[in-house]
Structure formats: structure tokens, C-alpha cells
Amino acid sequence: MSIKGLPLAIGRAFGVHPNTPKDRLAMLRDAFAKAIKDPELLAEAKRARIDFSYISGEQVQKDFNALFNQSPETLREMGKYIKAEG
């Protein structure tokens, strides 16, 4: 996937503090994975015409790493189009 496409592929990722205990992180990831398969949630999303899909935490982390593991020149160019809000 190209660098330009990664933000769209990642979508709206959820994050936690970097020092979050691994067991809690695993619990959150498991909950999201289970929620996306919940028949009631899927039915409600269909009724509301909301399209969503699950991307594992591991994949999101891999995509973020690929996005930001670029040359300084590429990161400067990306900065013109991608703004981090804090």
C-alpha cells in the first residue's frame, strides 16, 4: 500500500497510553474483535447504513509504523497533507 493510502486504510484508530499494561491492551483488542462480530451490532449498523470493518490492533500498529518510518524528506512532504491534532 502506498503512503498516501495508509491514513484511509487505518481509518479511525483507537489508542491507549503507551504504558498501558499488556494484559489490558489484549483485553481491549479482544473486545473490539468480538464486537465487530456481534449480530446485533452488525444489524444496527446495517439499518443505520454504517459501513465499517475490523482491522486488528497489530495491523494498525504495523501501518502506523510504516507511515512514520520514512525518510526525513518524505515526512516533511507528508506534513503538508497530514496534520496531527493533540
C-alpha atoms as a PDB file:
ATOM      1  CA  MET A   1       0.000   0.000   0.000  1.00  0.00           C
ATOM      2  CA  SER A   2       1.260   3.495  -0.761  1.00  0.00           C
ATOM      3  CA  ILE A   3       1.978   6.041   1.944  1.00  0.00           C
ATOM      4  CA  LYS A   4      -0.873   8.207   0.669  1.00  0.00           C
ATOM      5  CA  GLY A   5      -3.367   5.391   1.195  1.00  0.00           C
ATOM      6  CA  LEU A   6      -2.346   4.382   4.704  1.00  0.00           C
ATOM      7  CA  PRO A   7      -4.331   7.005   6.650  1.00  0.00           C
ATOM      8  CA  LEU A   8      -7.507   5.958   4.856  1.00  0.00           C
ATOM      9  CA  ALA A   9      -6.753   2.268   5.399  1.00  0.00           C
ATOM     10  CA  ILE A  10      -6.190   2.823   9.101  1.00  0.00           C
ATOM     11  CA  GLY A  11      -9.370   4.848   9.435  1.00  0.00           C
ATOM     12  CA  ARG A  12     -10.274   5.977  12.915  1.00  0.00           C
ATOM     13  CA  ALA A  13      -7.977   4.030  15.132  1.00  0.00           C
ATOM     14  CA  PHE A  14      -8.370   3.893  18.894  1.00  0.00           C
ATOM     15  CA  GLY A  15      -5.304   4.316  21.029  1.00  0.00           C
ATOM     16  CA  VAL A  16      -4.227   3.910  24.604  1.00  0.00           C
ATOM     17  CA  HIS A  17      -1.358   5.312  26.629  1.00  0.00           C
ATOM     18  CA  PRO A  18       1.991   3.729  25.680  1.00  0.00           C
ATOM     19  CA  ASN A  19       2.395   2.404  29.243  1.00  0.00           C
ATOM     20  CA  THR A  20      -0.934   0.556  29.229  1.00  0.00           C
ATOM     21  CA  PRO A  21      -0.356  -2.913  30.705  1.00  0.00           C
ATOM     22  CA  LYS A  22      -0.181  -5.621  28.050  1.00  0.00           C
ATOM     23  CA  ASP A  23      -2.994  -7.627  29.621  1.00  0.00           C
ATOM     24  CA  ARG A  24      -5.348  -4.618  29.408  1.00  0.00           C
ATOM     25  CA  LEU A  25      -4.303  -3.938  25.831  1.00  0.00           C
ATOM     26  CA  ALA A  26      -5.005  -7.563  24.947  1.00  0.00           C
ATOM     27  CA  MET A  27      -8.412  -7.315  26.667  1.00  0.00           C
ATOM     28  CA  LEU A  28      -9.334  -4.199  24.674  1.00  0.00           C
ATOM     29  CA  ARG A  29      -8.196  -5.724  21.382  1.00  0.00           C
ATOM     30  CA  ASP A  30     -10.160  -8.879  22.108  1.00  0.00           C
ATOM     31  CA  ALA A  31     -13.285  -6.857  22.940  1.00  0.00           C
ATOM     32  CA  PHE A  32     -13.102  -4.951  19.651  1.00  0.00           C
ATOM     33  CA  ALA A  33     -12.576  -8.174  17.700  1.00  0.00           C
ATOM     34  CA  LYS A  34     -15.631  -9.734  19.367  1.00  0.00           C
ATOM     35  CA  ALA A  35     -17.796  -6.618  18.995  1.00  0.00           C
ATOM     36  CA  ILE A  36     -17.307  -6.489  15.241  1.00  0.00           C
ATOM     37  CA  LYS A  37     -18.832  -9.980  15.002  1.00  0.00           C
ATOM     38  CA  ASP A  38     -21.830  -9.217  17.227  1.00  0.00           C
ATOM     39  CA  PRO A  39     -25.022  -9.871  15.227  1.00  0.00           C
ATOM     40  CA  GLU A  40     -26.937  -7.050  16.958  1.00  0.00           C
ATOM     41  CA  LEU A  41     -24.189  -4.528  16.243  1.00  0.00           C
ATOM     42  CA  LEU A  42     -23.985  -5.660  12.618  1.00  0.00           C
ATOM     43  CA  ALA A  43     -27.770  -5.437  12.215  1.00  0.00           C
ATOM     44  CA  GLU A  44     -27.885  -1.976  13.786  1.00  0.00           C
ATOM     45  CA  ALA A  45     -25.052  -0.768  11.556  1.00  0.00           C
ATOM     46  CA  LYS A  46     -26.841  -2.121   8.502  1.00  0.00           C
ATOM     47  CA  ARG A  47     -30.078  -0.367   9.484  1.00  0.00           C
ATOM     48  CA  ALA A  48     -28.158   2.869  10.036  1.00  0.00           C
ATOM     49  CA  ARG A  49     -26.279   2.359   6.757  1.00  0.00           C
ATOM     50  CA  ILE A  50     -22.950   2.499   8.550  1.00  0.00           C
ATOM     51  CA  ASP A  51     -20.188   0.605   6.813  1.00  0.00           C
ATOM     52  CA  PHE A  52     -17.305  -0.491   8.990  1.00  0.00           C
ATOM     53  CA  SER A  53     -14.729  -3.203   9.164  1.00  0.00           C
ATOM     54  CA  TYR A  54     -12.343  -4.521  11.767  1.00  0.00           C
ATOM     55  CA  ILE A  55      -8.605  -4.036  11.453  1.00  0.00           C
ATOM     56  CA  SER A  56      -6.554  -5.750  14.132  1.00  0.00           C
ATOM     57  CA  GLY A  57      -4.503  -3.688  16.545  1.00  0.00           C
ATOM     58  CA  GLU A  58      -1.417  -5.412  15.254  1.00  0.00           C
ATOM     59  CA  GLN A  59      -2.209  -4.355  11.677  1.00  0.00           C
ATOM     60  CA  VAL A  60      -2.942  -0.761  12.691  1.00  0.00           C
ATOM     61  CA  GLN A  61       0.357  -0.630  14.578  1.00  0.00           C
ATOM     62  CA  LYS A  62       2.185  -2.060  11.563  1.00  0.00           C
ATOM     63  CA  ASP A  63       0.532   0.521   9.272  1.00  0.00           C
ATOM     64  CA  PHE A  64       1.371   3.423  11.610  1.00  0.00           C
ATOM     65  CA  ASN A  65       4.968   2.230  11.795  1.00  0.00           C
ATOM     66  CA  ALA A  66       5.138   2.071   8.005  1.00  0.00           C
ATOM     67  CA  LEU A  67       3.608   5.525   7.764  1.00  0.00           C
ATOM     68  CA  PHE A  68       6.103   7.167  10.097  1.00  0.00           C
ATOM     69  CA  ASN A  69       9.186   5.092   9.266  1.00  0.00           C
ATOM     70  CA  GLN A  70      10.064   7.250   6.279  1.00  0.00           C
ATOM     71  CA  SER A  71      12.973   9.418   5.283  1.00  0.00           C
ATOM     72  CA  PRO A  72      13.047  12.942   6.771  1.00  0.00           C
ATOM     73  CA  GLU A  73      12.286  14.359   3.327  1.00  0.00           C
ATOM     74  CA  THR A  74       9.217  12.176   2.927  1.00  0.00           C
ATOM     75  CA  LEU A  75       8.000  13.047   6.425  1.00  0.00           C
ATOM     76  CA  ARG A  76       8.344  16.765   5.659  1.00  0.00           C
ATOM     77  CA  GLU A  77       6.267  16.319   2.499  1.00  0.00           C
ATOM     78  CA  MET A  78       3.684  14.245   4.376  1.00  0.00           C
ATOM     79  CA  GLY A  79       3.456  17.009   6.972  1.00  0.00           C
ATOM     80  CA  LYS A  80       1.977  19.262   4.313  1.00  0.00           C
ATOM     81  CA  TYR A  81      -1.037  16.956   3.993  1.00  0.00           C
ATOM     82  CA  ILE A  82      -1.365  15.119   7.308  1.00  0.00           C
ATOM     83  CA  LYS A  83      -1.835  17.202  10.421  1.00  0.00           C
ATOM     84  CA  ALA A  84      -1.676  15.650  13.875  1.00  0.00           C
ATOM     85  CA  GLU A  85      -4.108  17.149  16.336  1.00  0.00           C
ATOM     86  CA  GLY A  86      -3.489  16.981  20.020  1.00  0.00           C
END
